[in-house]
Amino acid sequence: MFTVLFTSIGRRVELVRAFKKSYETMALKAQILGVDAEPSFAPASYFVDRCFKVPKVDDESYVDTLLGICRAEKVDLLIPLFEPEFSLLEAKRYEFERLGILLLLSKRQVLEICQDKLQTYCFFTSHKIKTPETWNKTNLPKDISFPIFVKPRKGMGSRGAQRVDTLKQLEFIIQQDVELLIQEFVPGKEYTLDILADLEGQVLSVVPRERLEVRAGEVSKSRTVYRRDLIEQGKYIVEKLGAIGPVTAQCIDNGKDVYWLEVNPRFGGGVPLAIQAGVDYPLLLYQMVRKQSIQPFLGQYNHDLTMLRYDQAVYF
């Protein structure tokens, strides 16, 4: 039995379905498990084989509870989905490895760079990767031109991120949140890259997709595109960073240059599109756990595949 466990299962129904479908197609005897602080109110808990209740991430017993579930269920692959738990799990990585579990999570230095947008900016500039000029409130240039873009220095998705058009508006926002970063505003087409690296940090696949529409910080309409330049740059970024497993990278093309915005060492909300386009993440992760050799297959996916997401309901 091959056992996969997702943490903070929440609304990740499409991701769970993709794993189940892949393993059924392989005729692999597998089970997909989940954990959540409130399983009965987590839609995806109705699509996994079993879902376990755990304390909230900020509870000191969270990791020990998770370890107990992994031990009892003989978990092979643990996939964290909620950024606030990443550093907690990384600190206990050895305990999961001792149980023979692959914790699909990059190492501490990678997590720190990705979770702090200022460190991300410094990473980009130190590797000569084009990115919008970025400041905090203490080093704003006197001749700053508007519009600009502000976003939290730390945080998930696009919560708190917004365009600012006047100095008065900026001053008000800064008073509310001292941890905001201020960025040069770059208009253009937005892209997210779903990237998969093996356990040595070698990139296996890069699928760029155009963000056609975003709702509540998560893509609702998206289309895969073939952009060799984005594939090569995405590969370069992830391998320089040293990340493993699933990574999402975001950029904007203003018609002249590509500006890189952020990197997240986890499954993005739109990754089901990359899976549907032919990158079989469940199979590839199974091969990693089993220490099978995998060759990179860059550019090998269904180009121009469009995803339109919609709400569904669970009744109980």
Protein backbone atom coordinates (compact mmCIF):
# COMPACT_ATOMS: atom_id res chain seq x y z
CA MET A 1 0.00 0.00 0.00
CA PHE A 2 1.34 3.40 -1.02
CA THR A 3 0.03 6.08 1.34
CA VAL A 4 -0.03 9.83 0.68
CA LEU A 5 -1.07 12.32 3.34
CA PHE A 6 -1.99 15.97 2.62
CA THR A 7 -1.98 18.47 5.46
CA SER A 8 -4.51 21.31 5.71
CA ILE A 9 -6.63 19.58 3.09
CA GLY A 10 -9.23 22.35 3.04
CA ARG A 11 -10.59 22.98 -0.46
CA ARG A 12 -8.00 21.04 -2.49
CA VAL A 13 -10.57 18.72 -4.07
CA GLU A 14 -9.08 18.87 -7.57
CA LEU A 15 -5.65 17.95 -6.30
CA VAL A 16 -6.98 14.96 -4.36
CA ARG A 17 -8.96 13.77 -7.38
CA ALA A 18 -5.90 14.04 -9.60
CA PHE A 19 -3.87 11.81 -7.26
CA LYS A 20 -6.67 9.25 -7.01
CA LYS A 21 -7.18 9.15 -10.77
CA SER A 22 -3.47 8.73 -11.48
CA TYR A 23 -3.03 5.85 -9.04
CA GLU A 24 -6.18 4.12 -10.26
CA THR A 25 -4.87 4.38 -13.84
CA MET A 26 -1.59 2.84 -12.68
CA ALA A 27 -3.55 0.09 -10.90
CA LEU A 28 -1.46 1.04 -7.88
CA LYS A 29 -2.77 0.00 -4.48
CA ALA A 30 -2.77 3.39 -2.77
CA GLN A 31 -4.66 5.47 -0.27
CA ILE A 32 -4.95 9.23 -0.06
CA LEU A 33 -5.31 10.67 3.44
CA GLY A 34 -5.84 14.17 4.73
CA VAL A 35 -5.70 16.12 7.97
CA ASP A 36 -7.49 19.30 8.91
CA ALA A 37 -8.35 21.22 12.05
CA GLU A 38 -12.05 20.93 11.12
CA PRO A 39 -12.46 17.92 8.81
CA SER A 40 -16.25 18.12 8.61
CA PHE A 41 -15.97 21.66 7.22
CA ALA A 42 -13.13 20.90 4.80
CA PRO A 43 -14.66 20.01 1.40
CA ALA A 44 -11.67 17.92 0.33
CA SER A 45 -12.08 15.69 3.39
CA TYR A 46 -15.07 14.11 1.61
CA PHE A 47 -12.87 13.04 -1.31
CA VAL A 48 -9.88 11.47 0.48
CA ASP A 49 -10.00 7.90 1.78
CA ARG A 50 -9.86 9.19 5.35
CA CYS A 51 -9.38 12.55 6.99
CA PHE A 52 -8.06 13.02 10.52
CA LYS A 53 -8.67 15.89 12.91
CA VAL A 54 -5.53 17.65 14.13
CA PRO A 55 -4.90 20.68 16.34
CA LYS A 56 -4.43 24.05 14.65
CA VAL A 57 -0.96 24.74 13.31
CA ASP A 58 -0.14 27.17 16.12
CA ASP A 59 -0.89 24.52 18.76
CA GLU A 60 2.31 23.08 20.26
CA SER A 61 0.94 19.53 19.86
CA TYR A 62 0.33 19.88 16.11
CA VAL A 63 3.52 18.25 14.82
CA ASP A 64 3.45 15.42 17.37
CA THR A 65 -0.17 14.65 16.43
CA LEU A 66 0.80 14.59 12.77
CA LEU A 67 3.74 12.29 13.50
CA GLY A 68 1.41 9.93 15.35
CA ILE A 69 -0.97 9.73 12.39
CA CYS A 70 1.91 9.15 9.98
CA ARG A 71 3.28 6.36 12.16
CA ALA A 72 -0.10 4.64 12.61
CA GLU A 73 -1.04 4.87 8.93
CA LYS A 74 2.43 3.99 7.59
CA VAL A 75 2.54 7.13 5.45
CA ASP A 76 5.04 7.11 2.57
CA LEU A 77 4.66 10.67 1.32
CA LEU A 78 3.70 13.73 3.38
CA ILE A 79 2.66 16.79 1.35
CA PRO A 80 2.24 20.04 3.34
CA LEU A 81 -0.11 22.56 1.74
CA PHE A 82 -0.23 25.38 4.31
CA GLU A 83 2.74 27.75 4.46
CA PRO A 84 2.51 28.63 8.19
CA GLU A 85 3.34 25.01 9.05
CA PHE A 86 6.37 24.71 6.78
CA SER A 87 9.01 25.86 9.26
CA LEU A 88 7.51 23.65 11.99
CA LEU A 89 7.72 20.56 9.80
CA GLU A 90 11.18 21.42 8.51
CA ALA A 91 12.43 21.60 12.11
CA LYS A 92 11.17 18.03 12.66
CA ARG A 93 12.25 16.68 9.27
CA TYR A 94 14.53 14.06 10.84
CA GLU A 95 11.63 12.57 12.81
CA PHE A 96 9.62 12.03 9.65
CA GLU A 97 12.62 10.62 7.80
CA ARG A 98 13.27 8.23 10.69
CA LEU A 99 9.79 6.78 10.03
CA GLY A 100 10.66 6.28 6.35
CA ILE A 101 8.44 9.19 5.27
CA LEU A 102 9.35 11.55 2.44
CA LEU A 103 8.49 15.06 3.64
CA LEU A 104 7.92 16.93 0.38
CA LEU A 105 9.30 20.22 1.56
CA SER A 106 12.35 22.28 0.70
CA LYS A 107 15.01 23.03 3.30
CA ARG A 108 14.95 25.89 5.77
CA GLN A 109 17.00 28.41 3.77
CA VAL A 110 14.71 27.97 0.75
CA LEU A 111 11.58 28.41 2.88
CA GLU A 112 12.98 31.59 4.44
CA ILE A 113 13.75 33.15 1.06
CA CYS A 114 10.32 32.31 -0.33
CA GLN A 115 8.28 33.31 2.71
CA ASP A 116 9.93 36.74 3.04
CA LYS A 117 9.26 38.84 -0.08
CA LEU A 118 12.19 41.11 0.73
CA GLN A 119 14.53 38.11 0.79
CA THR A 120 12.95 36.97 -2.48
CA TYR A 121 13.76 40.35 -4.01
CA CYS A 122 17.36 40.11 -2.77
CA PHE A 123 17.63 36.57 -4.18
CA PHE A 124 16.44 37.76 -7.59
CA THR A 125 18.77 40.75 -7.72
CA SER A 126 21.80 38.77 -6.50
CA HIS A 127 21.31 36.31 -9.39
CA LYS A 128 20.63 39.07 -11.94
CA ILE A 129 17.00 38.00 -12.36
CA LYS A 130 14.85 40.91 -13.50
CA THR A 131 12.35 41.96 -10.84
CA PRO A 132 10.44 45.16 -10.00
CA GLU A 133 12.31 47.73 -7.92
CA THR A 134 11.33 47.16 -4.30
CA TRP A 135 11.48 49.35 -1.18
CA ASN A 136 10.20 49.48 2.36
CA LYS A 137 8.95 52.62 4.08
CA THR A 138 12.44 53.59 5.30
CA ASN A 139 14.14 53.73 1.91
CA LEU A 140 11.48 55.12 -0.41
CA PRO A 141 12.96 57.39 -3.10
CA LYS A 142 11.82 61.02 -2.89
CA ASP A 143 10.90 61.06 -6.56
CA ILE A 144 8.85 57.84 -6.51
CA SER A 145 6.39 57.76 -9.40
CA PHE A 146 2.87 56.39 -9.27
CA PRO A 147 1.15 54.02 -9.68
CA ILE A 148 3.04 51.62 -7.44
CA PHE A 149 2.20 48.23 -5.96
CA VAL A 150 2.18 47.32 -2.26
CA LYS A 151 2.09 43.86 -0.70
CA PRO A 152 2.77 42.26 2.68
CA ARG A 153 6.39 41.31 3.27
CA LYS A 154 5.12 37.93 4.44
CA GLY A 155 1.88 36.15 3.65
CA MET A 156 0.10 33.75 1.32
CA GLY A 157 -1.60 34.46 -1.99
CA SER A 158 -2.43 38.06 -2.81
CA ARG A 159 -3.96 39.05 0.53
CA GLY A 160 -3.23 42.71 1.19
CA ALA A 161 -1.64 43.26 -2.23
CA GLN A 162 -2.96 46.27 -4.12
CA ARG A 163 -2.21 49.02 -6.59
CA VAL A 164 -1.67 52.48 -5.10
CA ASP A 165 -2.13 55.62 -7.20
CA THR A 166 -1.32 58.55 -4.88
CA LEU A 167 1.15 59.49 -2.14
CA LYS A 168 -1.71 60.21 0.26
CA GLN A 169 -3.10 56.72 -0.27
CA LEU A 170 0.35 55.20 0.26
CA GLU A 171 0.92 57.12 3.50
CA PHE A 172 -2.40 55.91 4.87
CA ILE A 173 -1.63 52.27 3.98
CA ILE A 174 1.86 52.43 5.51
CA GLN A 175 0.38 53.66 8.80
CA GLN A 176 -1.80 50.55 8.92
CA ASP A 177 0.96 48.01 8.20
CA VAL A 178 4.66 48.71 8.73
CA GLU A 179 5.65 45.36 7.18
CA LEU A 180 4.46 46.26 3.71
CA LEU A 181 6.79 46.27 0.73
CA ILE A 182 6.44 48.89 -1.98
CA GLN A 183 7.19 47.87 -5.56
CA GLU A 184 7.51 49.47 -8.94
CA PHE A 185 4.22 48.85 -10.75
CA VAL A 186 4.68 46.69 -13.86
CA PRO A 187 1.63 46.25 -16.10
CA GLY A 188 1.38 43.30 -18.47
CA LYS A 189 0.37 39.66 -18.79
CA GLU A 190 0.71 37.61 -15.63
CA TYR A 191 2.06 34.07 -15.71
CA THR A 192 2.39 31.35 -13.10
CA LEU A 193 4.86 28.52 -13.66
CA ASP A 194 4.14 25.12 -12.14
CA ILE A 195 7.60 23.63 -11.64
CA LEU A 196 8.62 20.22 -10.34
CA ALA A 197 12.14 19.49 -9.09
CA ASP A 198 13.46 16.11 -7.99
CA LEU A 199 14.94 15.45 -4.56
CA GLU A 200 18.37 16.63 -5.72
CA GLY A 201 16.97 19.96 -6.92
CA GLN A 202 17.09 19.13 -10.64
CA VAL A 203 14.07 20.58 -12.45
CA LEU A 204 12.04 17.93 -14.27
CA SER A 205 9.15 19.95 -15.64
CA VAL A 206 8.04 23.56 -16.10
CA VAL A 207 4.51 24.46 -17.23
CA PRO A 208 3.87 28.18 -17.74
CA ARG A 209 0.25 29.22 -17.67
CA GLU A 210 -1.28 32.61 -18.32
CA ARG A 211 -3.43 33.90 -15.47
CA LEU A 212 -6.61 34.92 -17.27
CA GLU A 213 -8.64 35.64 -14.14
CA VAL A 214 -7.92 35.58 -10.40
CA ARG A 215 -10.52 35.43 -7.65
CA ALA A 216 -9.73 35.83 -3.95
CA GLY A 217 -6.02 35.40 -4.64
CA GLU A 218 -6.40 32.11 -6.53
CA VAL A 219 -6.53 31.60 -10.28
CA SER A 220 -10.02 30.87 -11.63
CA LYS A 221 -9.25 30.95 -15.37
CA SER A 222 -5.90 29.94 -16.80
CA ARG A 223 -4.30 28.60 -19.99
CA THR A 224 -1.06 26.70 -20.56
CA VAL A 225 1.34 28.38 -22.96
CA TYR A 226 4.59 27.31 -24.56
CA ARG A 227 7.20 29.94 -23.77
CA ARG A 228 10.73 28.61 -24.02
CA ASP A 229 12.11 31.72 -22.33
CA LEU A 230 9.84 31.27 -19.30
CA ILE A 231 10.65 27.56 -19.09
CA GLU A 232 14.39 28.25 -19.12
CA GLN A 233 14.17 31.09 -16.59
CA GLY A 234 11.87 29.11 -14.30
CA LYS A 235 14.32 26.20 -14.36
CA TYR A 236 17.21 28.54 -13.61
CA ILE A 237 15.41 30.17 -10.67
CA VAL A 238 14.39 26.93 -8.97
CA GLU A 239 17.78 25.26 -9.41
CA LYS A 240 19.60 28.35 -8.09
CA LEU A 241 17.21 28.43 -5.17
CA GLY A 242 17.76 24.75 -4.39
CA ALA A 243 14.09 23.90 -3.97
CA ILE A 244 12.68 20.38 -4.26
CA GLY A 245 9.25 19.06 -5.19
CA PRO A 246 6.47 21.36 -6.40
CA VAL A 247 7.22 25.06 -6.82
CA THR A 248 5.20 27.93 -8.27
CA ALA A 249 6.84 31.04 -9.67
CA GLN A 250 5.05 34.19 -10.79
CA CYS A 251 6.08 36.77 -13.35
CA ILE A 252 4.75 39.58 -15.54
CA ASP A 253 5.58 40.18 -19.18
CA ASN A 254 5.13 43.86 -20.10
CA GLY A 255 5.82 43.21 -23.77
CA LYS A 256 9.47 44.15 -23.48
CA ASP A 257 10.82 42.32 -20.43
CA VAL A 258 9.77 39.59 -18.02
CA TYR A 259 9.74 40.63 -14.35
CA TRP A 260 9.79 37.91 -11.69
CA LEU A 261 7.64 38.55 -8.64
CA GLU A 262 7.75 35.62 -6.23
CA VAL A 263 8.44 31.94 -5.72
CA ASN A 264 6.42 29.57 -3.53
CA PRO A 265 7.79 26.10 -2.55
CA ARG A 266 4.44 24.29 -2.69
CA PHE A 267 1.57 23.24 -4.93
CA GLY A 268 -0.16 26.26 -6.42
CA GLY A 269 -3.93 26.41 -6.60
CA GLY A 270 -3.83 26.02 -10.38
CA VAL A 271 -1.57 22.95 -10.50
CA PRO A 272 -4.46 20.67 -11.57
CA LEU A 273 -4.15 22.37 -14.97
CA ALA A 274 -0.51 21.27 -15.25
CA ILE A 275 -1.51 17.73 -14.26
CA GLN A 276 -4.33 17.70 -16.80
CA ALA A 277 -1.86 19.00 -19.39
CA GLY A 278 0.21 15.84 -19.00
CA VAL A 279 2.61 16.34 -16.10
CA ASP A 280 1.66 13.40 -13.89
CA TYR A 281 2.72 14.75 -10.51
CA PRO A 282 1.28 11.76 -8.58
CA LEU A 283 3.28 9.28 -10.67
CA LEU A 284 6.45 11.36 -10.53
CA LEU A 285 6.23 11.72 -6.76
CA TYR A 286 5.64 7.98 -6.41
CA GLN A 287 8.81 7.41 -8.45
CA MET A 288 10.74 9.81 -6.20
CA VAL A 289 9.61 7.99 -3.06
CA ARG A 290 10.64 4.69 -4.64
CA LYS A 291 13.99 6.21 -5.67
CA GLN A 292 13.40 5.52 -9.36
CA SER A 293 15.38 7.42 -11.98
CA ILE A 294 13.45 10.27 -13.68
CA GLN A 295 14.68 12.20 -16.69
CA PRO A 296 13.68 15.86 -17.22
CA PHE A 297 10.97 16.40 -19.84
CA LEU A 298 10.89 20.17 -20.24
CA GLY A 299 8.27 21.49 -22.65
CA GLN A 300 6.43 18.18 -22.87
CA TYR A 301 2.87 19.09 -21.97
CA ASN A 302 -0.36 20.01 -23.71
CA HIS A 303 0.02 23.60 -24.89
CA ASP A 304 -2.98 25.99 -24.99
CA LEU A 305 -5.09 23.94 -22.59
CA THR A 306 -7.57 26.23 -20.81
CA MET A 307 -8.96 25.70 -17.32
CA LEU A 308 -12.19 27.36 -16.12
CA ARG A 309 -12.81 26.71 -12.44
CA TYR A 310 -16.18 26.91 -10.72
CA ASP A 311 -17.65 26.32 -7.29
CA GLN A 312 -19.13 23.01 -6.22
CA ALA A 313 -20.97 22.07 -3.06
CA VAL A 314 -20.77 19.21 -0.57
CA TYR A 315 -23.91 18.33 1.40
CA PHE A 316 -23.87 16.36 4.62
